[in-house]
PDB file of all heavy atoms in Angstrom:
ATOM      1  N   THR A   1      -8.257   9.728   0.881  1.00  0.00           N
ATOM      2  CA  THR A   1      -7.981   8.343   0.511  1.00  0.00           C
ATOM      3  C   THR A   1      -7.377   7.647   1.720  1.00  0.00           C
ATOM      4  O   THR A   1      -6.980   8.305   2.705  1.00  0.00           O
ATOM      5  CB  THR A   1      -6.988   8.260  -0.664  1.00  0.00           C
ATOM      6  OG1 THR A   1      -5.709   8.778  -0.219  1.00  0.00           O
ATOM      7  CG2 THR A   1      -7.467   9.002  -1.891  1.00  0.00           C
ATOM      8  N   ILE A   2      -7.262   6.352   1.659  1.00  0.00           N
ATOM      9  CA  ILE A   2      -6.625   5.615   2.756  1.00  0.00           C
ATOM     10  C   ILE A   2      -5.183   6.074   2.937  1.00  0.00           C
ATOM     11  O   ILE A   2      -4.733   6.311   4.057  1.00  0.00           O
ATOM     12  CB  ILE A   2      -6.734   4.099   2.518  1.00  0.00           C
ATOM     13  CG1 ILE A   2      -8.197   3.662   2.681  1.00  0.00           C
ATOM     14  CG2 ILE A   2      -5.825   3.330   3.473  1.00  0.00           C
ATOM     15  CD1 ILE A   2      -8.482   2.221   2.336  1.00  0.00           C
ATOM     16  N   ALA A   3      -4.459   6.246   1.838  1.00  0.00           N
ATOM     17  CA  ALA A   3      -3.057   6.702   1.927  1.00  0.00           C
ATOM     18  C   ALA A   3      -2.969   8.097   2.529  1.00  0.00           C
ATOM     19  O   ALA A   3      -2.081   8.365   3.347  1.00  0.00           O
ATOM     20  CB  ALA A   3      -2.415   6.658   0.550  1.00  0.00           C
ATOM     21  N   GLN A   4      -3.850   8.996   2.137  1.00  0.00           N
ATOM     22  CA  GLN A   4      -3.841  10.359   2.690  1.00  0.00           C
ATOM     23  C   GLN A   4      -4.138  10.346   4.185  1.00  0.00           C
ATOM     24  O   GLN A   4      -3.512  11.069   4.953  1.00  0.00           O
ATOM     25  CB  GLN A   4      -4.852  11.241   1.960  1.00  0.00           C
ATOM     26  CG  GLN A   4      -4.474  11.568   0.542  1.00  0.00           C
ATOM     27  CD  GLN A   4      -5.625  12.215  -0.233  1.00  0.00           C
ATOM     28  OE1 GLN A   4      -6.800  11.904   0.000  1.00  0.00           O
ATOM     29  NE2 GLN A   4      -5.273  13.095  -1.158  1.00  0.00           N
ATOM     30  N   ALA A   5      -5.099   9.533   4.593  1.00  0.00           N
ATOM     31  CA  ALA A   5      -5.446   9.431   6.014  1.00  0.00           C
ATOM     32  C   ALA A   5      -4.276   8.867   6.813  1.00  0.00           C
ATOM     33  O   ALA A   5      -3.992   9.342   7.914  1.00  0.00           O
ATOM     34  CB  ALA A   5      -6.686   8.576   6.191  1.00  0.00           C
ATOM     35  N   CYS A   6      -3.593   7.875   6.263  1.00  0.00           N
ATOM     36  CA  CYS A   6      -2.430   7.295   6.942  1.00  0.00           C
ATOM     37  C   CYS A   6      -1.323   8.332   7.086  1.00  0.00           C
ATOM     38  O   CYS A   6      -0.682   8.420   8.139  1.00  0.00           O
ATOM     39  CB  CYS A   6      -1.928   6.074   6.182  1.00  0.00           C
ATOM     40  SG  CYS A   6      -3.013   4.640   6.286  1.00  0.00           S
ATOM     41  N   GLU A   7      -1.096   9.111   6.052  1.00  0.00           N
ATOM     42  CA  GLU A   7      -0.067  10.157   6.097  1.00  0.00           C
ATOM     43  C   GLU A   7      -0.436  11.219   7.120  1.00  0.00           C
ATOM     44  O   GLU A   7       0.418  11.672   7.895  1.00  0.00           O
ATOM     45  CB  GLU A   7       0.122  10.777   4.715  1.00  0.00           C
ATOM     46  CG  GLU A   7       1.105  11.915   4.670  1.00  0.00           C
ATOM     47  CD  GLU A   7       2.534  11.565   5.081  1.00  0.00           C
ATOM     48  OE1 GLU A   7       2.889  10.358   5.069  1.00  0.00           O
ATOM     49  OE2 GLU A   7       3.291  12.480   5.432  1.00  0.00           O
ATOM     50  N   LEU A   8      -1.676  11.617   7.154  1.00  0.00           N
ATOM     51  CA  LEU A   8      -2.121  12.619   8.125  1.00  0.00           C
ATOM     52  C   LEU A   8      -1.947  12.087   9.554  1.00  0.00           C
ATOM     53  O   LEU A   8      -1.479  12.811  10.436  1.00  0.00           O
ATOM     54  CB  LEU A   8      -3.572  12.989   7.855  1.00  0.00           C
ATOM     55  CG  LEU A   8      -4.161  14.103   8.717  1.00  0.00           C
ATOM     56  CD1 LEU A   8      -3.344  15.382   8.622  1.00  0.00           C
ATOM     57  CD2 LEU A   8      -5.595  14.354   8.291  1.00  0.00           C
ATOM     58  N   ALA A   9      -2.285  10.847   9.772  1.00  0.00           N
ATOM     59  CA  ALA A   9      -2.106  10.241  11.100  1.00  0.00           C
ATOM     60  C   ALA A   9      -0.626  10.248  11.494  1.00  0.00           C
ATOM     61  O   ALA A   9      -0.303  10.544  12.653  1.00  0.00           O
ATOM     62  CB  ALA A   9      -2.654   8.815  11.097  1.00  0.00           C
ATOM     63  N   ARG A  10       0.234   9.956  10.539  1.00  0.00           N
ATOM     64  CA  ARG A  10       1.680   9.991  10.813  1.00  0.00           C
ATOM     65  C   ARG A  10       2.133  11.407  11.156  1.00  0.00           C
ATOM     66  O   ARG A  10       2.868  11.622  12.118  1.00  0.00           O
ATOM     67  CB  ARG A  10       2.455   9.461   9.604  1.00  0.00           C
ATOM     68  CG  ARG A  10       3.961   9.313   9.883  1.00  0.00           C
ATOM     69  CD  ARG A  10       4.748   9.129   8.609  1.00  0.00           C
ATOM     70  NE  ARG A  10       4.689  10.275   7.718  1.00  0.00           N
ATOM     71  CZ  ARG A  10       5.334  11.435   7.899  1.00  0.00           C
ATOM     72  NH1 ARG A  10       6.087  11.606   8.957  1.00  0.00           N
ATOM     73  NH2 ARG A  10       5.223  12.419   7.025  1.00  0.00           N
ATOM     74  N   GLU A  11       1.683  12.385  10.372  1.00  0.00           N
ATOM     75  CA  GLU A  11       2.057  13.784  10.625  1.00  0.00           C
ATOM     76  C   GLU A  11       1.577  14.265  11.986  1.00  0.00           C
ATOM     77  O   GLU A  11       2.268  15.048  12.640  1.00  0.00           O
ATOM     78  CB  GLU A  11       1.484  14.683   9.526  1.00  0.00           C
ATOM     79  CG  GLU A  11       2.144  14.506   8.181  1.00  0.00           C
ATOM     80  CD  GLU A  11       1.435  15.270   7.069  1.00  0.00           C
ATOM     81  OE1 GLU A  11       0.490  16.047   7.361  1.00  0.00           O
ATOM     82  OE2 GLU A  11       1.833  15.092   5.892  1.00  0.00           O
ATOM     83  N   LEU A  12       0.397  13.821  12.400  1.00  0.00           N
ATOM     84  CA  LEU A  12      -0.143  14.229  13.700  1.00  0.00           C
ATOM     85  C   LEU A  12       0.489  13.458  14.852  1.00  0.00           C
ATOM     86  O   LEU A  12       0.345  13.858  16.001  1.00  0.00           O
ATOM     87  CB  LEU A  12      -1.664  14.022  13.715  1.00  0.00           C
ATOM     88  CG  LEU A  12      -2.479  14.892  12.768  1.00  0.00           C
ATOM     89  CD1 LEU A  12      -3.952  14.494  12.828  1.00  0.00           C
ATOM     90  CD2 LEU A  12      -2.305  16.371  13.093  1.00  0.00           C
ATOM     91  N   GLY A  13       1.119  12.347  14.567  1.00  0.00           N
ATOM     92  CA  GLY A  13       1.724  11.534  15.613  1.00  0.00           C
ATOM     93  C   GLY A  13       0.684  10.798  16.442  1.00  0.00           C
ATOM     94  O   GLY A  13       0.910  10.537  17.634  1.00  0.00           O
ATOM     95  N   ALA A  14      -0.435  10.451  15.829  1.00  0.00           N
ATOM     96  CA  ALA A  14      -1.489   9.722  16.551  1.00  0.00           C
ATOM     97  C   ALA A  14      -0.992   8.333  16.942  1.00  0.00           C
ATOM     98  O   ALA A  14      -0.389   7.639  16.129  1.00  0.00           O
ATOM     99  CB  ALA A  14      -2.730   9.608  15.674  1.00  0.00           C
ATOM    100  N   GLN A  15      -1.250   7.939  18.174  1.00  0.00           N
ATOM    101  CA  GLN A  15      -0.838   6.607  18.627  1.00  0.00           C
ATOM    102  C   GLN A  15      -1.672   5.511  17.979  1.00  0.00           C
ATOM    103  O   GLN A  15      -1.154   4.458  17.629  1.00  0.00           O
ATOM    104  CB  GLN A  15      -0.949   6.504  20.143  1.00  0.00           C
ATOM    105  CG  GLN A  15       0.064   7.346  20.859  1.00  0.00           C
ATOM    106  CD  GLN A  15      -0.049   7.179  22.367  1.00  0.00           C
ATOM    107  OE1 GLN A  15      -0.520   6.155  22.861  1.00  0.00           O
ATOM    108  NE2 GLN A  15       0.364   8.180  23.103  1.00  0.00           N
ATOM    109  N   ARG A  16      -2.969   5.770  17.845  1.00  0.00           N
ATOM    110  CA  ARG A  16      -3.880   4.803  17.218  1.00  0.00           C
ATOM    111  C   ARG A  16      -4.809   5.575  16.288  1.00  0.00           C
ATOM    112  O   ARG A  16      -5.326   6.627  16.651  1.00  0.00           O
ATOM    113  CB  ARG A  16      -4.719   4.085  18.284  1.00  0.00           C
ATOM    114  CG  ARG A  16      -5.717   3.101  17.725  1.00  0.00           C
ATOM    115  CD  ARG A  16      -6.561   2.468  18.825  1.00  0.00           C
ATOM    116  NE  ARG A  16      -7.516   1.527  18.265  1.00  0.00           N
ATOM    117  CZ  ARG A  16      -8.563   1.060  18.934  1.00  0.00           C
ATOM    118  NH1 ARG A  16      -8.753   1.437  20.198  1.00  0.00           N
ATOM    119  NH2 ARG A  16      -9.392   0.223  18.365  1.00  0.00           N
ATOM    120  N   THR A  17      -5.003   5.036  15.091  1.00  0.00           N
ATOM    121  CA  THR A  17      -5.883   5.658  14.112  1.00  0.00           C
ATOM    122  C   THR A  17      -6.874   4.628  13.601  1.00  0.00           C
ATOM    123  O   THR A  17      -6.483   3.510  13.260  1.00  0.00           O
ATOM    124  CB  THR A  17      -5.083   6.233  12.934  1.00  0.00           C
ATOM    125  OG1 THR A  17      -4.181   7.240  13.443  1.00  0.00           O
ATOM    126  CG2 THR A  17      -5.985   6.862  11.889  1.00  0.00           C
ATOM    127  N   VAL A  18      -8.157   5.020  13.571  1.00  0.00           N
ATOM    128  CA  VAL A  18      -9.214   4.174  13.048  1.00  0.00           C
ATOM    129  C   VAL A  18      -9.775   4.874  11.817  1.00  0.00           C
ATOM    130  O   VAL A  18     -10.240   6.010  11.908  1.00  0.00           O
ATOM    131  CB  VAL A  18     -10.314   3.928  14.091  1.00  0.00           C
ATOM    132  CG1 VAL A  18     -11.434   3.094  13.493  1.00  0.00           C
ATOM    133  CG2 VAL A  18      -9.748   3.255  15.338  1.00  0.00           C
ATOM    134  N   LEU A  19      -9.671   4.206  10.675  1.00  0.00           N
ATOM    135  CA  LEU A  19     -10.211   4.759   9.436  1.00  0.00           C
ATOM    136  C   LEU A  19     -11.661   4.355   9.297  1.00  0.00           C
ATOM    137  O   LEU A  19     -12.009   3.170   9.410  1.00  0.00           O
ATOM    138  CB  LEU A  19      -9.406   4.249   8.229  1.00  0.00           C
ATOM    139  CG  LEU A  19      -7.909   4.533   8.257  1.00  0.00           C
ATOM    140  CD1 LEU A  19      -7.265   4.035   6.977  1.00  0.00           C
ATOM    141  CD2 LEU A  19      -7.625   6.009   8.476  1.00  0.00           C
ATOM    142  N   THR A  20     -12.504   5.333   9.038  1.00  0.00           N
ATOM    143  CA  THR A  20     -13.935   5.106   8.951  1.00  0.00           C
ATOM    144  C   THR A  20     -14.481   5.629   7.635  1.00  0.00           C
ATOM    145  O   THR A  20     -13.740   6.178   6.824  1.00  0.00           O
ATOM    146  CB  THR A  20     -14.655   5.742  10.168  1.00  0.00           C
ATOM    147  OG1 THR A  20     -16.004   5.336  10.195  1.00  0.00           O
ATOM    148  CG2 THR A  20     -14.559   7.244  10.126  1.00  0.00           C
ATOM    149  N   HIS A  21     -15.761   5.461   7.430  1.00  0.00           N
ATOM    150  CA  HIS A  21     -16.452   5.881   6.220  1.00  0.00           C
ATOM    151  C   HIS A  21     -15.883   5.177   4.992  1.00  0.00           C
ATOM    152  O   HIS A  21     -15.662   5.764   3.935  1.00  0.00           O
ATOM    153  CB  HIS A  21     -16.396   7.405   6.065  1.00  0.00           C
ATOM    154  CG  HIS A  21     -17.479   7.922   5.193  1.00  0.00           C
ATOM    155  ND1 HIS A  21     -17.209   8.506   3.989  1.00  0.00           N
ATOM    156  CD2 HIS A  21     -18.823   7.919   5.323  1.00  0.00           C
ATOM    157  CE1 HIS A  21     -18.354   8.868   3.413  1.00  0.00           C
ATOM    158  NE2 HIS A  21     -19.339   8.502   4.205  1.00  0.00           N
ATOM    159  N   LEU A  22     -15.593   3.905   5.144  1.00  0.00           N
ATOM    160  CA  LEU A  22     -14.996   3.090   4.077  1.00  0.00           C
ATOM    161  C   LEU A  22     -16.013   2.778   2.990  1.00  0.00           C
ATOM    162  O   LEU A  22     -17.169   2.514   3.288  1.00  0.00           O
ATOM    163  CB  LEU A  22     -14.465   1.774   4.657  1.00  0.00           C
ATOM    164  CG  LEU A  22     -13.523   1.907   5.857  1.00  0.00           C
ATOM    165  CD1 LEU A  22     -13.259   0.536   6.443  1.00  0.00           C
ATOM    166  CD2 LEU A  22     -12.245   2.604   5.478  1.00  0.00           C
ATOM    167  N   SER A  23     -15.564   2.783   1.750  1.00  0.00           N
ATOM    168  CA  SER A  23     -16.458   2.445   0.641  1.00  0.00           C
ATOM    169  C   SER A  23     -16.432   0.936   0.388  1.00  0.00           C
ATOM    170  O   SER A  23     -15.622   0.206   0.963  1.00  0.00           O
ATOM    171  CB  SER A  23     -16.042   3.193  -0.627  1.00  0.00           C
ATOM    172  OG  SER A  23     -14.923   2.573  -1.214  1.00  0.00           O
ATOM    173  N   HIS A  24     -17.275   0.505  -0.514  1.00  0.00           N
ATOM    174  CA  HIS A  24     -17.324  -0.908  -0.873  1.00  0.00           C
ATOM    175  C   HIS A  24     -16.105  -1.334  -1.686  1.00  0.00           C
ATOM    176  O   HIS A  24     -15.896  -2.523  -1.903  1.00  0.00           O
ATOM    177  CB  HIS A  24     -18.613  -1.222  -1.642  1.00  0.00           C
ATOM    178  CG  HIS A  24     -19.830  -1.031  -0.800  1.00  0.00           C
ATOM    179  ND1 HIS A  24     -20.168  -1.867   0.225  1.00  0.00           N
ATOM    180  CD2 HIS A  24     -20.778  -0.056  -0.796  1.00  0.00           C
ATOM    181  CE1 HIS A  24     -21.262  -1.446   0.805  1.00  0.00           C
ATOM    182  NE2 HIS A  24     -21.672  -0.347   0.210  1.00  0.00           N
ATOM    183  N   ASP A  25     -15.285  -0.360  -2.106  1.00  0.00           N
ATOM    184  CA  ASP A  25     -14.055  -0.670  -2.837  1.00  0.00           C
ATOM    185  C   ASP A  25     -12.964  -1.222  -1.911  1.00  0.00           C
ATOM    186  O   ASP A  25     -11.980  -1.773  -2.391  1.00  0.00           O
ATOM    187  CB  ASP A  25     -13.497   0.588  -3.524  1.00  0.00           C
ATOM    188  CG  ASP A  25     -14.415   1.123  -4.594  1.00  0.00           C
ATOM    189  OD1 ASP A  25     -15.254   0.366  -5.099  1.00  0.00           O
ATOM    190  OD2 ASP A  25     -14.276   2.312  -4.935  1.00  0.00           O
ATOM    191  N   VAL A  26     -13.141  -1.050  -0.620  1.00  0.00           N
ATOM    192  CA  VAL A  26     -12.123  -1.477   0.348  1.00  0.00           C
ATOM    193  C   VAL A  26     -12.335  -2.951   0.676  1.00  0.00           C
ATOM    194  O   VAL A  26     -13.429  -3.361   1.051  1.00  0.00           O
ATOM    195  CB  VAL A  26     -12.210  -0.620   1.633  1.00  0.00           C
ATOM    196  CG1 VAL A  26     -11.224  -1.118   2.678  1.00  0.00           C
ATOM    197  CG2 VAL A  26     -11.958   0.854   1.309  1.00  0.00           C
ATOM    198  N   ASP A  27     -11.277  -3.727   0.535  1.00  0.00           N
ATOM    199  CA  ASP A  27     -11.287  -5.146   0.904  1.00  0.00           C
ATOM    200  C   ASP A  27     -10.711  -5.233   2.316  1.00  0.00           C
ATOM    201  O   ASP A  27      -9.499  -5.117   2.516  1.00  0.00           O
ATOM    202  CB  ASP A  27     -10.448  -5.954  -0.081  1.00  0.00           C
ATOM    203  CG  ASP A  27     -10.465  -7.440   0.205  1.00  0.00           C
ATOM    204  OD1 ASP A  27     -10.398  -7.841   1.396  1.00  0.00           O
ATOM    205  OD2 ASP A  27     -10.534  -8.217  -0.756  1.00  0.00           O
TER     206      ASP A  27
END
């Protein structure tokens, strides 16, 4: 999910994260 991806990015300490493979549910 978007929240899970954001949490994973935080845990990894990524400087920049781009979320991809977005569904049509995302505004």
